Protein backbone atom coordinates (compact mmCIF):
# COMPACT_ATOMS: atom_id res chain seq x y z
CA MET A 1 18.36 -6.30 15.65
CA ASP A 2 18.46 -2.96 17.45
CA VAL A 3 19.52 0.04 15.36
CA ALA A 4 19.39 3.66 16.52
CA ALA A 5 18.47 6.71 14.45
CA ARG A 6 18.23 10.39 15.33
CA VAL A 7 15.09 12.52 14.94
CA THR A 8 15.66 15.82 13.12
CA SER A 9 14.23 19.17 14.22
CA LYS A 10 11.47 18.59 11.65
CA GLY A 11 10.54 15.26 13.25
CA GLN A 12 12.05 13.20 10.44
CA VAL A 13 13.98 9.96 10.82
CA THR A 14 16.17 8.24 8.25
CA VAL A 15 15.55 4.49 8.31
CA PRO A 16 19.03 2.97 8.61
CA LYS A 17 20.25 0.94 5.63
CA SER A 18 20.50 -2.26 7.65
CA VAL A 19 16.81 -1.93 8.59
CA ARG A 20 15.77 -1.08 5.01
CA ASP A 21 17.68 -4.11 3.76
CA ALA A 22 16.20 -6.41 6.43
CA LEU A 23 12.64 -5.29 5.59
CA GLY A 24 13.17 -5.03 1.83
CA ILE A 25 12.27 -1.33 1.83
CA ARG A 26 13.06 0.46 -1.43
CA PRO A 27 12.65 4.09 -2.47
CA GLY A 28 8.96 4.83 -2.99
CA ASP A 29 7.74 2.05 -0.68
CA GLU A 30 5.22 2.92 2.00
CA ILE A 31 5.83 2.03 5.62
CA ILE A 32 3.49 1.90 8.57
CA PHE A 33 4.18 2.79 12.19
CA ARG A 34 2.19 0.97 14.89
CA VAL A 35 2.27 2.52 18.35
CA GLU A 36 1.59 0.27 21.33
CA GLY A 37 2.06 1.99 24.66
CA SER A 38 5.50 3.58 24.68
CA ARG A 39 6.79 1.51 21.75
CA ALA A 40 6.45 1.81 18.01
CA THR A 41 7.04 -0.81 15.34
CA LEU A 42 7.75 -0.17 11.68
CA ALA A 43 6.73 -2.39 8.78
CA ARG A 44 6.73 -2.18 5.01
CA VAL A 45 3.23 -1.92 3.56
CA PRO A 46 2.90 -4.72 1.02
CA ASP A 47 2.10 -3.85 -2.57
CA PHE A 48 -1.16 -5.70 -3.12
CA LEU A 49 -0.38 -6.13 -6.81
CA ASP A 50 2.52 -8.37 -5.72
CA LEU A 51 -0.12 -10.72 -4.28
CA ALA A 52 -1.82 -11.20 -7.66
CA GLY A 53 -1.99 -14.86 -8.55
CA SER A 54 -0.99 -16.03 -5.06
CA ILE A 55 -4.48 -17.35 -4.29
CA GLN A 56 -6.21 -20.01 -6.34
CA VAL A 57 -9.62 -18.81 -7.57
CA PRO A 58 -12.11 -21.47 -8.72
CA ALA A 59 -12.93 -21.20 -12.42
CA ASP A 60 -16.61 -20.45 -11.74
CA ARG A 61 -15.60 -17.44 -9.60
CA ARG A 62 -13.19 -15.80 -12.05
CA ASN A 63 -14.08 -12.60 -13.90
CA ALA A 64 -17.04 -11.94 -11.60
CA ALA A 65 -18.30 -8.38 -11.37
CA TRP A 66 -17.38 -6.74 -8.05
CA ASP A 67 -21.06 -6.03 -7.30
CA ASP A 68 -21.80 -9.75 -7.63
CA VAL A 69 -18.92 -10.63 -5.30
CA LEU A 70 -20.21 -8.19 -2.66
CA ARG A 71 -23.81 -9.40 -3.01
CA ARG A 72 -22.78 -13.06 -2.61
CA THR A 73 -20.52 -12.25 0.34
CA HIS A 74 -23.26 -10.32 2.14
CA ALA A 75 -25.77 -13.11 1.47
CA ALA A 76 -23.36 -15.75 2.79
CA ARG A 77 -22.71 -13.74 5.95
CA ALA A 78 -26.41 -13.21 6.52
CA THR A 79 -27.09 -16.96 6.42
CA THR A 80 -24.23 -17.79 8.82
CA ARG A 81 -25.47 -15.22 11.38
CA ALA A 82 -29.05 -16.47 11.35
């Protein structure tokens, strides 16, 4: 889908409704622009809270303190690099 929009004198662009609908962009959502050469792409930044519960966590790993998670992760990486 190619949809045009005009840049205002303040450098603002209104994302056309058809694009907002296609990407599921709602008021208050954040978007990201990625520039590659002379092109830019636009994407909706996912709300990470929407991902809650989407990954199975083993029972022995639930409710772990964040410091413990980081310590175990660093230890596991150190053993795989050695």
